[in-house]
Protein backbone atom coordinates (compact mmCIF):
# COMPACT_ATOMS: atom_id res chain seq x y z
CA MET A 1 103.43 78.93 109.34
CA GLY A 2 100.49 78.89 111.73
CA ASN A 3 97.20 80.75 111.84
CA LYS A 4 97.42 84.48 112.31
CA GLN A 5 94.99 86.63 114.26
CA PRO A 6 93.08 89.03 111.97
CA GLU A 7 95.00 92.29 111.99
CA ILE A 8 96.50 94.94 109.77
CA LYS A 9 99.95 96.28 110.56
CA LEU A 10 100.94 99.69 109.22
CA PHE A 11 104.55 100.86 109.04
CA LYS A 12 105.36 104.54 108.48
CA ILE A 13 108.75 105.21 106.88
CA GLU A 14 110.43 108.62 106.75
CA LEU A 15 112.59 108.01 103.71
CA SER A 16 115.27 110.62 104.43
CA GLN A 17 116.17 108.83 107.66
CA TYR A 18 117.59 105.90 105.68
CA SER A 19 119.31 107.63 102.75
CA ASN A 20 122.72 107.16 104.40
CA ILE A 21 122.38 103.35 104.60
CA ILE A 22 121.33 102.67 101.01
CA ASP A 23 124.43 100.50 100.52
CA VAL A 24 123.33 98.35 103.47
CA LEU A 25 119.72 98.06 102.27
CA LEU A 26 120.87 97.05 98.78
CA LYS A 27 122.21 93.82 100.26
CA TYR A 28 118.65 92.70 100.95
CA LEU A 29 117.63 92.97 97.30
CA SER A 30 117.86 90.28 94.66
CA PRO A 31 119.94 90.92 91.51
CA GLN A 32 116.71 91.60 89.60
CA GLU A 33 115.59 94.12 92.23
CA VAL A 34 118.98 95.86 92.11
CA LEU A 35 118.64 96.17 88.33
CA ARG A 36 115.17 97.62 88.78
CA ALA A 37 116.53 100.19 91.22
CA LYS A 38 119.18 101.22 88.71
CA ARG A 39 116.58 101.83 85.99
CA TYR A 40 115.20 104.87 87.80
CA HIS A 41 116.48 108.09 86.28
CA GLN A 42 116.30 110.05 89.53
CA LEU A 43 118.44 109.03 92.51
CA ARG A 44 115.54 109.92 94.82
CA ASP A 45 113.27 107.42 93.07
CA SER A 46 115.94 104.73 93.12
CA ASN A 47 116.58 105.22 96.83
CA ARG A 48 112.87 105.15 97.59
CA PHE A 49 112.47 101.81 95.84
CA ILE A 50 115.48 100.36 97.66
CA ILE A 51 114.21 101.54 101.05
CA CYS A 52 110.62 100.39 100.52
CA ARG A 53 111.50 97.01 99.00
CA SER A 54 114.13 96.17 101.62
CA PHE A 55 111.82 97.18 104.47
CA LEU A 56 109.00 95.10 102.98
CA LYS A 57 111.24 92.04 102.80
CA ILE A 58 112.54 92.57 106.34
CA LEU A 59 109.04 92.99 107.76
CA ILE A 60 107.72 89.89 105.97
CA ALA A 61 110.71 87.91 107.21
CA GLN A 62 110.02 89.02 110.78
CA GLN A 63 106.32 88.23 110.41
CA ASN A 64 107.07 84.68 109.24
CA LYS A 65 110.17 84.15 111.40
CA ILE A 66 112.40 83.39 108.43
CA ASP A 67 115.60 84.82 107.01
CA VAL A 68 115.27 87.83 104.70
CA SER A 69 117.03 85.87 101.96
CA GLN A 70 113.98 83.58 101.81
CA VAL A 71 111.62 86.43 100.92
CA TYR A 72 110.87 86.82 97.23
CA PHE A 73 107.85 87.90 95.21
CA GLU A 74 105.82 86.67 92.28
CA LYS A 75 102.95 88.35 90.43
CA GLY A 76 99.40 87.08 90.25
CA ASP A 77 96.88 87.30 87.43
CA ASN A 78 96.05 90.88 88.46
CA HIS A 79 99.79 91.75 88.44
CA LYS A 80 99.79 92.31 92.18
CA PRO A 81 102.93 90.90 93.81
CA TYR A 82 102.55 88.20 96.44
CA PHE A 83 104.80 86.14 98.72
CA PRO A 84 104.59 82.51 97.52
CA LEU A 85 105.71 80.96 100.83
CA ASP A 86 102.73 82.46 102.67
CA LYS A 87 99.71 83.11 100.47
CA THR A 88 97.65 84.15 103.52
CA LEU A 89 99.81 87.25 103.85
CA PHE A 90 98.92 90.37 101.87
CA PHE A 91 100.75 93.66 101.57
CA ASN A 92 100.68 97.01 99.84
CA VAL A 93 103.01 100.01 99.64
CA SER A 94 102.42 103.70 98.96
CA HIS A 95 104.62 106.77 99.05
CA ALA A 96 104.29 110.53 98.81
CA GLY A 97 106.86 113.23 99.48
CA ASP A 98 109.37 112.04 102.06
CA PHE A 99 107.08 109.35 103.44
CA ALA A 100 106.16 105.81 102.56
CA ILE A 101 103.77 103.43 104.24
CA ILE A 102 103.65 99.64 104.18
CA ALA A 103 100.47 97.74 105.07
CA ILE A 104 100.65 94.04 105.93
CA GLY A 105 97.65 91.86 106.80
CA ASN A 106 95.84 88.61 106.12
CA CYS A 107 93.26 89.86 103.63
CA GLU A 108 93.47 91.66 100.31
CA LEU A 109 94.18 95.30 101.10
CA GLY A 110 95.23 98.60 99.56
CA ILE A 111 96.98 101.61 101.03
CA ASP A 112 97.41 105.09 99.57
CA ILE A 113 98.94 108.27 100.92
CA GLU A 114 99.13 111.69 99.31
CA LYS A 115 100.82 114.94 100.24
CA VAL A 116 98.35 117.81 100.37
CA ASP A 117 99.52 120.22 97.67
CA ASP A 118 98.17 123.72 98.27
CA HIS A 119 98.99 124.73 94.69
CA PHE A 120 97.48 121.77 92.87
CA ASN A 121 94.40 122.71 90.82
CA TYR A 122 92.11 119.69 91.08
CA SER A 123 89.02 121.35 89.57
CA GLU A 124 89.36 119.46 86.28
CA ILE A 125 89.78 116.10 88.01
CA ILE A 126 86.74 116.34 90.27
CA PRO A 127 83.97 115.73 87.69
CA VAL A 128 85.91 112.81 86.17
CA VAL A 129 86.61 110.98 89.44
CA PHE A 130 83.87 111.91 91.89
CA SER A 131 80.09 111.50 91.97
CA ALA A 132 77.70 114.40 92.46
CA ILE A 133 77.34 113.53 96.17
CA GLU A 134 81.12 113.46 96.64
CA ILE A 135 81.58 116.73 94.75
CA GLU A 136 78.99 118.40 96.97
CA ALA A 137 80.76 117.05 100.06
CA ILE A 138 84.08 118.48 98.87
CA HIS A 139 82.68 121.91 97.96
CA SER A 140 80.62 122.24 101.14
CA SER A 141 83.44 121.21 103.46
CA GLU A 142 85.24 123.87 105.47
CA GLN A 143 88.42 122.03 104.49
CA SER A 144 87.69 121.26 100.86
CA ARG A 145 91.29 120.52 99.85
CA PRO A 146 91.90 117.89 102.56
CA MET A 147 88.47 116.44 101.75
CA PHE A 148 89.51 116.08 98.10
CA TYR A 149 92.63 114.20 99.11
CA LYS A 150 90.68 112.08 101.59
CA PHE A 151 88.26 110.93 98.90
CA TRP A 152 91.04 110.52 96.33
CA THR A 153 93.15 108.29 98.59
CA ARG A 154 90.07 106.23 99.44
CA LYS A 155 89.39 105.49 95.78
CA GLU A 156 93.03 104.66 95.11
CA ALA A 157 93.18 102.40 98.16
CA ILE A 158 90.09 100.52 96.99
CA VAL A 159 91.36 99.89 93.47
CA LYS A 160 94.70 98.73 94.91
CA ALA A 161 92.89 96.36 97.28
CA ILE A 162 90.72 94.76 94.61
CA GLY A 163 93.53 94.68 92.05
CA THR A 164 92.13 96.82 89.26
CA GLY A 165 93.58 99.83 87.50
CA ILE A 166 92.30 103.37 87.74
CA ASP A 167 89.76 103.71 84.94
CA GLU A 168 86.33 105.12 84.17
CA GLY A 169 84.86 102.97 86.95
CA LEU A 170 86.52 105.11 89.60
CA ILE A 171 83.64 107.57 89.65
CA ARG A 172 81.26 104.72 90.50
CA LEU A 173 83.10 103.74 93.69
CA PRO A 174 81.38 105.62 96.55
CA VAL A 175 83.74 106.82 99.28
CA THR A 176 81.71 109.10 101.53
CA ASP A 177 81.36 107.94 105.12
CA GLY A 178 78.81 105.20 105.62
CA PHE A 179 77.75 101.93 104.04
CA HIS A 180 77.11 101.62 100.33
CA ASN A 181 75.48 98.82 98.37
CA ILE A 182 77.03 98.64 94.91
CA SER A 183 77.27 96.10 92.10
CA SER A 184 79.78 93.41 93.00
CA PHE A 185 81.49 93.59 89.60
CA LEU A 186 82.73 97.08 90.50
CA VAL A 187 84.83 95.56 93.28
CA CYS A 188 85.85 92.34 91.50
CA ASN A 189 83.13 90.36 93.32
CA PHE A 190 84.50 91.03 96.80
CA LYS A 191 81.53 90.88 99.19
CA ASN A 192 82.87 93.45 101.63
CA VAL A 193 85.19 96.38 101.00
CA ARG A 194 85.86 98.77 103.87
CA VAL A 195 87.91 101.94 103.68
CA THR A 196 89.12 104.21 106.45
CA SER A 197 91.20 107.39 106.35
CA PHE A 198 93.85 108.88 108.60
CA GLU A 199 96.28 111.78 108.84
CA LEU A 200 99.86 110.62 108.51
CA ASN A 201 100.99 114.06 109.67
CA GLU A 202 99.85 117.65 109.22
CA ASN A 203 100.20 117.58 105.41
CA HIS A 204 99.87 113.93 104.43
CA ILE A 205 96.52 112.10 104.19
CA GLY A 206 96.15 108.36 103.81
CA SER A 207 93.48 105.72 103.38
CA LEU A 208 93.39 101.97 103.94
CA ALA A 209 90.98 99.62 102.15
CA ILE A 210 90.40 96.04 103.31
CA THR A 211 88.22 93.30 101.89
CA THR A 212 86.75 91.69 105.01
CA ASN A 213 84.50 92.49 107.95
CA ASP A 214 86.46 90.16 110.24
CA ILE A 215 88.96 92.87 111.17
CA ASN A 216 87.81 95.66 113.50
CA ASN A 217 89.40 99.06 113.85
CA ASP A 218 91.17 97.99 117.05
CA SER A 219 93.12 95.46 114.96
CA ILE A 220 94.47 98.14 112.61
CA ALA A 221 97.48 99.92 114.05
CA PHE A 222 100.86 101.46 113.33
CA TYR A 223 103.84 99.38 114.38
CA PRO A 224 107.45 100.46 114.99
CA ASN A 225 109.96 99.95 112.20
CA PRO A 226 113.18 97.99 112.66
CA THR A 227 115.92 100.28 113.92
CA ILE A 228 118.98 101.00 111.81
CA GLU A 229 121.00 98.88 114.24
CA GLU A 230 118.59 95.96 113.76
CA ILE A 231 118.72 96.35 109.98
CA ILE A 232 122.50 96.30 109.93
CA GLY A 233 122.59 93.41 112.38
CA LEU A 234 120.42 91.22 110.13
CA ILE A 235 123.13 90.99 107.49
């Protein structure tokens, strides 16, 4: 399918914009994916899965210039899904509130977004998840709550990129700005793990982790989603 230039494409999805075309998006899912959507107890969760999965398949199809029906997923040893027809393509999905974000690139990556909850008491989480340096940075910040979410999404993005679960090792992953030398086993022997944060909007914070130094910040950008007319026209 040809060599791709190093880049990371980010796609921001406002879920409520597509709730009225769920029946159309369902046509992009396999029978197994439809069954998975039906297992959700809440309609909101089912619709979110349908929207995110169909968009992911459409975007991968466009990236590889193939029909959406040719896009399917398998799971690797770390249980991360991958696209067997193009193993140089990597992707990750995250959602929070009414937003979801899809990251597609040609290196292992992880994306996480969170909605800043003004009523969430995170005081009990801090000493379990963050190092003393990170805790000091949160408490001394003029915007301590956004700083908490910034650091939290960075750690989640990293563990999603390297394919591990959230466990006791989370506190040992440094996420303050700058370069950190850490034991390679903490990041599954990846030599380079970079993480950067962004504001999705005024109350959503996100972070992207990538596992290479070959991609610069200019090669990481948000791309427009397919329009509803394009989505319908693909069927």
